[in-house]
Protein backbone atom coordinates (compact mmCIF):
# COMPACT_ATOMS: atom_id res chain seq x y z
CA MET A 1 -22.56 4.64 -9.13
CA ALA A 2 -23.64 5.95 -5.71
CA LEU A 3 -20.82 6.83 -3.34
CA VAL A 4 -22.29 4.82 -0.47
CA LEU A 5 -21.63 1.29 0.73
CA ASN A 6 -24.22 -1.40 0.13
CA GLU A 7 -25.34 -3.70 2.93
CA GLU A 8 -22.75 -6.41 2.24
CA GLN A 9 -19.91 -3.90 2.04
CA GLN A 10 -20.97 -2.28 5.32
CA MET A 11 -21.06 -5.71 6.97
CA LEU A 12 -17.54 -6.45 5.69
CA LYS A 13 -16.30 -3.09 6.99
CA ASP A 14 -17.86 -3.66 10.42
CA SER A 15 -16.51 -7.20 10.60
CA ALA A 16 -13.00 -6.07 9.72
CA ALA A 17 -13.17 -3.22 12.22
CA GLY A 18 -14.23 -5.54 15.05
CA PHE A 19 -11.68 -8.22 14.22
CA LEU A 20 -8.71 -5.86 13.95
CA ALA A 21 -9.67 -3.84 17.03
CA GLU A 22 -9.64 -7.06 19.05
CA LYS A 23 -6.78 -8.97 17.42
CA ALA A 24 -4.45 -6.25 16.15
CA PRO A 25 -4.67 -3.00 18.13
CA VAL A 26 -1.87 -0.44 17.99
CA SER A 27 -0.36 -2.09 21.05
CA ALA A 28 0.35 -5.17 18.89
CA LEU A 29 2.49 -3.07 16.54
CA ARG A 30 4.30 -1.61 19.54
CA ALA A 31 5.01 -5.13 20.80
CA LEU A 32 6.38 -6.18 17.40
CA ARG A 33 8.67 -3.15 17.40
CA ASP A 34 9.89 -3.56 20.95
CA SER A 35 10.62 -7.26 20.46
CA GLU A 36 12.46 -6.52 17.18
CA ASP A 37 10.39 -9.30 15.63
CA ALA A 38 12.29 -10.71 12.64
CA THR A 39 9.15 -11.35 10.59
CA GLY A 40 7.59 -7.96 11.13
CA TYR A 41 4.03 -9.25 11.52
CA SER A 42 2.21 -11.90 13.51
CA ALA A 43 2.07 -15.24 11.70
CA ASP A 44 -0.86 -16.28 13.90
CA LEU A 45 -2.79 -13.14 12.97
CA TRP A 46 -2.07 -13.72 9.28
CA ARG A 47 -3.44 -17.28 9.57
CA GLU A 48 -6.63 -15.92 11.14
CA MET A 49 -6.95 -13.39 8.33
CA ALA A 50 -6.57 -16.23 5.83
CA GLU A 51 -9.31 -18.19 7.59
CA MET A 52 -11.58 -15.17 7.11
CA GLY A 53 -10.75 -15.16 3.39
CA TRP A 54 -9.03 -11.78 3.30
CA PRO A 55 -5.98 -12.79 1.20
CA GLY A 56 -8.30 -14.00 -1.55
CA ILE A 57 -10.83 -11.19 -1.47
CA ALA A 58 -9.77 -9.79 -4.87
CA VAL A 59 -8.60 -13.13 -6.35
CA PRO A 60 -10.89 -14.82 -8.94
CA GLU A 61 -12.94 -17.75 -7.66
CA GLU A 62 -11.39 -20.13 -10.19
CA PHE A 63 -8.07 -19.66 -8.39
CA GLY A 64 -9.39 -20.13 -4.88
CA GLY A 65 -10.36 -16.54 -4.13
CA ILE A 66 -13.60 -14.82 -3.18
CA ASP A 67 -13.56 -12.34 -6.09
CA TYR A 68 -15.26 -9.65 -4.02
CA GLY A 69 -13.33 -6.90 -5.72
CA TYR A 70 -11.12 -3.98 -4.80
CA VAL A 71 -13.83 -2.10 -2.95
CA GLY A 72 -13.89 -4.99 -0.50
CA LEU A 73 -10.10 -5.09 -0.20
CA GLY A 74 -10.04 -1.32 0.23
CA LEU A 75 -12.51 -1.51 3.12
CA ILE A 76 -10.27 -4.02 4.89
CA LEU A 77 -7.17 -1.91 4.28
CA GLU A 78 -9.01 1.14 5.62
CA GLN A 79 -9.66 -0.67 8.88
CA ALA A 80 -6.08 -1.96 8.94
CA GLY A 81 -5.04 1.69 8.72
CA ARG A 82 -7.07 2.49 11.80
CA THR A 83 -5.19 -0.09 13.88
CA LEU A 84 -1.86 0.22 12.02
CA THR A 85 -1.98 -3.53 11.41
CA ALA A 86 1.21 -5.02 9.98
CA SER A 87 0.57 -7.92 7.59
CA PRO A 88 1.27 -9.05 3.99
CA LEU A 89 -2.05 -7.56 2.88
CA GLN A 90 -0.22 -4.77 1.05
CA SER A 91 2.79 -6.61 -0.38
CA THR A 92 1.16 -9.90 -1.31
CA VAL A 93 -2.58 -9.36 -1.69
CA LEU A 94 -2.83 -5.78 -2.92
CA VAL A 95 0.27 -5.71 -5.14
CA ALA A 96 1.57 -9.17 -6.04
CA ALA A 97 -1.80 -10.89 -6.51
CA THR A 98 -2.92 -7.99 -8.71
CA ALA A 99 0.18 -8.27 -10.90
CA ILE A 100 -0.17 -12.02 -11.30
CA SER A 101 -3.94 -11.84 -11.95
CA HIS A 102 -3.49 -9.10 -14.54
CA MET A 103 -0.32 -10.25 -16.29
CA GLY A 104 0.25 -13.91 -15.49
CA SER A 105 -0.17 -16.93 -17.74
CA GLN A 106 -2.68 -19.61 -16.82
CA ALA A 107 0.11 -21.74 -15.36
CA GLN A 108 1.46 -18.85 -13.28
CA LYS A 109 -1.97 -18.03 -11.95
CA GLU A 110 -2.62 -21.67 -11.05
CA GLN A 111 0.73 -21.88 -9.26
CA TRP A 112 0.58 -18.68 -7.21
CA LEU A 113 -2.94 -17.33 -6.78
CA PRO A 114 -4.43 -20.27 -4.82
CA ALA A 115 -1.42 -20.21 -2.48
CA ILE A 116 -1.77 -16.45 -1.98
CA ALA A 117 -5.52 -16.73 -1.42
CA ALA A 118 -4.91 -19.40 1.23
CA GLY A 119 -2.33 -17.23 2.99
CA GLU A 120 0.37 -19.83 2.34
CA LYS A 121 2.79 -17.74 0.27
CA VAL A 122 4.23 -14.24 0.57
CA VAL A 123 5.11 -12.54 -2.71
CA SER A 124 6.55 -9.05 -3.09
CA LEU A 125 7.22 -6.58 -5.89
CA ALA A 126 10.89 -5.63 -6.27
CA LEU A 127 10.69 -2.33 -8.14
CA GLN A 128 12.36 0.68 -6.57
CA GLU A 129 16.09 1.21 -7.07
CA GLY A 130 16.73 4.72 -5.80
CA ALA A 131 15.49 7.21 -3.25
CA HIS A 132 12.38 8.06 -5.26
CA HIS A 133 9.63 6.15 -7.05
CA ALA A 134 10.54 6.14 -10.76
CA PRO A 135 9.54 2.90 -12.57
CA GLU A 136 10.74 4.13 -15.97
CA GLN A 137 14.24 4.60 -14.51
CA THR A 138 14.63 0.86 -13.93
CA ALA A 139 18.26 -0.08 -14.50
CA ALA A 140 18.30 -3.71 -13.32
CA THR A 141 18.80 -5.95 -16.35
CA ALA A 142 17.52 -9.29 -17.62
CA ALA A 143 19.62 -10.68 -20.46
CA ALA A 144 18.21 -13.53 -22.55
CA ASN A 145 20.21 -16.77 -22.92
CA ASP A 146 19.54 -20.38 -23.93
CA GLN A 147 18.06 -21.21 -20.51
CA GLY A 148 15.86 -18.14 -20.16
CA PHE A 149 17.16 -14.92 -18.59
CA VAL A 150 20.00 -13.77 -16.34
CA LEU A 151 19.08 -11.00 -13.90
CA ASN A 152 21.42 -8.42 -12.37
CA GLY A 153 20.65 -5.35 -10.30
CA GLU A 154 19.81 -3.83 -6.93
CA LYS A 155 16.37 -3.15 -5.40
CA VAL A 156 15.36 -1.29 -2.25
CA LEU A 157 12.20 -0.91 -0.15
CA VAL A 158 10.86 -4.33 -1.12
CA LEU A 159 7.86 -4.71 1.20
CA ASP A 160 8.11 -7.90 3.28
CA GLY A 161 10.96 -8.92 0.96
CA HIS A 162 12.92 -10.49 3.81
CA VAL A 163 10.22 -13.15 4.29
CA ALA A 164 8.91 -13.39 0.71
CA ASP A 165 8.78 -16.80 -0.96
CA CYS A 166 8.88 -15.17 -4.39
CA LEU A 167 9.85 -11.77 -5.79
CA ILE A 168 8.29 -10.08 -8.79
CA VAL A 169 11.40 -8.39 -10.18
CA VAL A 170 11.08 -5.44 -12.55
CA ALA A 171 14.02 -5.45 -14.95
CA ARG A 172 15.08 -3.91 -18.24
CA THR A 173 15.23 -6.22 -21.25
CA ALA A 174 15.68 -3.45 -23.83
CA GLY A 175 16.38 0.27 -24.05
CA GLU A 176 17.92 2.56 -21.45
CA PRO A 177 16.79 3.86 -18.04
CA GLY A 178 14.10 6.43 -18.72
CA ASP A 179 12.51 4.47 -21.57
CA GLU A 180 9.00 3.16 -20.99
CA HIS A 181 9.52 0.41 -23.56
CA GLY A 182 11.83 -2.46 -22.66
CA ILE A 183 10.60 -3.18 -19.11
CA SER A 184 9.74 -6.78 -18.21
CA LEU A 185 8.64 -8.51 -15.01
CA PHE A 186 9.93 -11.84 -13.70
CA LEU A 187 8.89 -14.27 -10.98
CA VAL A 188 12.05 -15.08 -9.03
CA ASP A 189 12.40 -17.59 -6.21
CA SER A 190 13.79 -15.75 -3.17
CA ASN A 191 16.13 -18.67 -2.50
CA ALA A 192 17.53 -18.80 -6.04
CA SER A 193 21.29 -18.71 -6.45
CA GLY A 194 22.54 -15.14 -6.71
CA VAL A 195 19.63 -13.58 -4.79
CA SER A 196 20.70 -11.74 -1.64
CA VAL A 197 18.09 -10.24 0.69
CA ALA A 198 18.84 -7.91 3.60
CA ARG A 199 16.16 -6.89 6.08
CA ARG A 200 15.63 -3.19 6.74
CA SER A 201 13.56 -1.75 9.61
CA MET A 202 11.63 1.38 8.68
CA VAL A 203 10.51 4.32 10.78
CA ASP A 204 6.95 2.94 10.91
CA SER A 205 8.23 -0.19 12.72
CA ARG A 206 7.63 -2.37 9.68
CA ASN A 207 10.14 -4.27 7.61
CA ALA A 208 11.23 -3.96 4.02
CA ALA A 209 14.27 -5.41 2.28
CA ALA A 210 17.18 -4.52 0.07
CA VAL A 211 17.57 -7.14 -2.67
CA SER A 212 20.69 -7.81 -4.70
CA LEU A 213 20.53 -9.87 -7.90
CA LYS A 214 23.83 -11.20 -9.23
CA ASP A 215 23.74 -13.47 -12.28
CA VAL A 216 20.39 -14.93 -11.24
CA GLN A 217 19.28 -17.53 -13.78
CA VAL A 218 15.54 -17.94 -14.35
CA GLY A 219 13.65 -19.94 -16.95
CA ALA A 220 11.68 -18.47 -19.83
CA ASP A 221 8.51 -19.40 -17.90
CA ALA A 222 9.47 -16.87 -15.20
CA LEU A 223 8.52 -13.99 -17.50
CA LEU A 224 5.34 -12.33 -16.23
CA GLY A 225 3.44 -10.85 -19.16
CA ASP A 226 4.99 -9.96 -22.52
CA LEU A 227 8.68 -9.35 -23.10
CA ASN A 228 9.58 -5.64 -23.20
CA GLU A 229 5.93 -4.67 -22.68
CA GLY A 230 5.66 -4.82 -18.91
CA SER A 231 5.07 -1.10 -18.39
CA GLY A 232 1.33 -1.32 -19.00
CA GLY A 233 0.74 -4.15 -16.55
CA LEU A 234 3.09 -2.59 -14.02
CA SER A 235 1.25 0.73 -14.29
CA TYR A 236 -2.09 -0.98 -13.65
CA THR A 237 -0.64 -2.84 -10.67
CA LEU A 238 0.73 0.38 -9.21
CA ASP A 239 -2.64 2.09 -9.70
CA ILE A 240 -4.29 -0.63 -7.63
CA ALA A 241 -1.46 -0.47 -5.08
CA ASN A 242 -1.92 3.26 -4.64
CA LEU A 243 -5.68 2.86 -4.24
CA GLY A 244 -5.02 0.43 -1.40
CA LEU A 245 -2.53 2.79 0.19
CA ALA A 246 -5.03 5.65 -0.13
CA ALA A 247 -7.64 3.51 1.62
CA GLU A 248 -5.16 2.72 4.40
CA LEU A 249 -4.26 6.41 4.76
CA LEU A 250 -7.97 7.22 5.00
CA GLY A 251 -8.43 4.82 7.91
CA LEU A 252 -5.24 5.99 9.59
CA SER A 253 -6.24 9.65 9.26
CA GLN A 254 -9.77 9.04 10.49
CA GLU A 255 -8.49 7.23 13.57
CA ALA A 256 -5.89 9.92 14.33
CA PHE A 257 -8.60 12.59 13.95
CA GLU A 258 -11.05 10.80 16.24
CA ARG A 259 -8.40 10.22 18.92
CA THR A 260 -7.50 13.89 18.75
CA MET A 261 -11.13 14.97 19.08
CA GLU A 262 -11.50 12.82 22.19
CA TYR A 263 -8.40 14.42 23.67
CA LEU A 264 -9.73 17.93 22.96
CA LYS A 265 -12.86 17.03 24.91
CA GLU A 266 -10.86 15.88 27.94
CA ARG A 267 -7.78 18.12 28.23
CA LYS A 268 -8.32 21.25 30.30
CA GLN A 269 -6.52 24.57 30.30
CA PHE A 270 -7.50 27.66 32.26
CA GLY A 271 -10.31 25.62 33.79
CA VAL A 272 -12.03 24.69 30.51
CA VAL A 273 -11.61 21.90 27.98
CA ILE A 274 -9.36 22.98 25.12
CA GLY A 275 -11.93 21.76 22.59
CA SER A 276 -13.95 24.86 23.44
CA PHE A 277 -11.25 27.15 22.01
CA GLN A 278 -12.42 28.68 18.74
CA GLY A 279 -9.06 28.31 16.99
CA LEU A 280 -9.00 24.55 17.63
CA LYS A 281 -12.63 24.23 16.56
CA HIS A 282 -11.81 25.79 13.20
CA ARG A 283 -8.88 23.43 12.63
CA ALA A 284 -10.98 20.42 13.61
CA ALA A 285 -13.82 21.45 11.28
CA GLU A 286 -11.43 21.80 8.35
CA MET A 287 -9.99 18.33 8.99
CA PHE A 288 -13.47 16.84 9.22
CA ALA A 289 -14.46 18.35 5.86
CA GLU A 290 -11.25 17.12 4.21
CA LEU A 291 -11.77 13.59 5.51
CA GLU A 292 -15.34 13.47 4.19
CA LEU A 293 -14.06 14.51 0.76
CA CYS A 294 -11.35 11.86 0.95
CA ARG A 295 -13.88 9.16 1.82
CA SER A 296 -15.85 9.85 -1.36
CA LEU A 297 -12.72 10.07 -3.51
CA VAL A 298 -11.31 6.75 -2.29
CA LEU A 299 -14.63 4.93 -2.75
CA LYS A 300 -15.04 6.34 -6.26
CA ALA A 301 -11.52 5.26 -7.20
CA LEU A 302 -12.01 1.76 -5.79
CA GLN A 303 -15.29 1.43 -7.69
CA SER A 304 -13.49 2.41 -10.89
CA ALA A 305 -11.06 -0.47 -10.38
CA ASP A 306 -13.92 -2.94 -10.12
CA THR A 307 -15.83 -1.57 -13.11
CA GLY A 308 -12.84 -1.25 -15.46
CA ASP A 309 -13.23 2.52 -15.74
CA GLU A 310 -10.76 3.99 -18.24
CA ASN A 311 -10.20 6.88 -15.81
CA LEU A 312 -8.63 4.53 -13.23
CA PRO A 313 -5.06 5.92 -13.64
CA ALA A 314 -6.17 9.51 -13.04
CA LEU A 315 -8.44 8.54 -10.14
CA ALA A 316 -5.69 6.43 -8.56
CA SER A 317 -3.22 9.32 -8.67
CA ALA A 318 -5.86 11.79 -7.47
CA ALA A 319 -6.68 9.55 -4.52
CA LYS A 320 -3.05 8.94 -3.56
CA ALA A 321 -2.10 12.62 -3.89
CA LYS A 322 -5.12 13.85 -1.89
CA LEU A 323 -4.79 11.25 0.85
CA SER A 324 -1.06 11.88 1.17
CA GLN A 325 -1.77 15.59 1.61
CA VAL A 326 -4.60 15.09 4.10
CA ALA A 327 -2.82 12.35 6.08
CA GLN A 328 0.17 14.63 6.52
CA ARG A 329 -2.03 17.45 7.77
CA VAL A 330 -4.16 15.32 10.08
CA THR A 331 -1.24 13.50 11.69
CA ASN A 332 0.68 16.76 12.12
CA GLU A 333 -2.35 18.36 13.73
CA ALA A 334 -2.85 15.30 15.93
CA VAL A 335 0.63 15.61 17.39
CA GLN A 336 0.33 19.38 17.79
CA MET A 337 -3.09 19.27 19.45
CA HIS A 338 -1.91 16.61 21.88
CA GLY A 339 0.85 18.99 22.91
CA GLY A 340 3.89 17.64 24.75
CA ILE A 341 2.40 14.19 25.30
CA GLY A 342 2.00 13.78 21.53
CA MET A 343 5.78 13.85 21.17
CA THR A 344 6.39 10.97 23.57
CA ASP A 345 6.84 7.35 22.57
CA GLU A 346 4.58 6.22 25.40
CA PHE A 347 1.60 7.79 23.60
CA ASP A 348 0.26 5.97 20.51
CA ILE A 349 -0.35 9.03 18.32
CA GLY A 350 3.29 9.03 17.19
CA PHE A 351 2.82 5.66 15.50
CA PHE A 352 0.22 7.20 13.18
CA ILE A 353 2.46 9.97 11.91
CA LYS A 354 5.30 7.51 11.29
CA ARG A 355 3.16 5.05 9.34
CA ALA A 356 1.58 7.90 7.38
CA ARG A 357 4.96 9.17 6.20
CA VAL A 358 6.03 5.75 4.90
CA ALA A 359 2.69 5.04 3.20
CA GLN A 360 2.71 8.52 1.63
CA HIS A 361 6.02 7.82 -0.11
CA THR A 362 5.39 4.18 -1.07
CA PHE A 363 4.89 3.88 -4.85
CA GLY A 364 4.94 7.64 -5.36
CA ASP A 365 4.40 10.59 -3.04
CA TYR A 366 2.11 13.64 -3.22
CA ASN A 367 4.28 15.49 -5.75
CA TYR A 368 4.68 12.44 -8.01
CA HIS A 369 0.96 11.74 -8.20
CA LEU A 370 -0.12 15.36 -8.44
CA ASP A 371 2.17 15.73 -11.47
CA ARG A 372 0.90 12.44 -12.93
CA TYR A 373 -2.73 13.47 -12.45
CA ALA A 374 -2.04 16.77 -14.20
CA ARG A 375 -0.39 15.04 -17.15
CA LEU A 376 -3.18 12.48 -17.46
CA SER A 377 -5.69 15.36 -17.39
CA GLY A 378 -3.98 17.11 -20.28
CA PHE A 379 -2.11 19.80 -18.40
């Protein structure tokens, strides 16, 4: 498949770029941070996104979605990266809707997917338990009883968890931490007895949550997928999640690069613009080449998700590892090339490096995915 956008995809990309530039510039994220907004994103903006059909872009038509695929969702997330837009696109659309579409029963899909596609419900994956991404180390438990299951455990970094209507909780129903077998996923009402959610503000000015589960009773119908066999569906969901994050990092990096290039053309030292200095030209050229490579890699990986390519896991890890590496370099260079002003809060470039660091580590960082790619490739 050609690594170029077709006419419809280019129109979607342009539409998303125009909408977000007008409705959700970086100044909107600054305002959310400075006001210490309890939600962490604009509810009005989210409603407008829903009216444009974005929450349902990768949801099947039979459940109220557009079914335009992950390339389409990736293009939107890329533009959201350019403006650092805070919304439930990642937590609910990219991750939760994927998990429910891939693993859910007909009844679960009918209950949740239309509501997600309409922008009416926020759903979040409660997975991480420690400082690092390690799904197989899940220690939270779900013990079977006559009424279904009783959940106990602690979760951290639950994206938008403080405002989620439902949590997809990853718990162990068999085996020990470290075992791939014995992991199951459950749909848990955020207001259920025994569920405690604490908001956490992150360095990128967005919100996550710490979730505590203490003797939380759920019915047997809360099980998402097959008992003890959730690792496969979870792995697929995380592959899609990392593709979306790679697309966001691409947009973020491209925007940081372009802002830096404009600055190099304006800032003068010794009577000439600093963009004329050979050393800075070399650094800029290297970043440009890396970003072009990243653009092709992300598009190829997104296409693989839509075509059911068996190489999706390797491509997802390759994309996340490469974009994490390049985003770190580009945002570091952006701050350095802006000089002293790049270190100040009054200048927007600092928001890009902060968001990049959080996105890099969400669902596995550079080292995690580089190692995973090597293992999947037989090394």
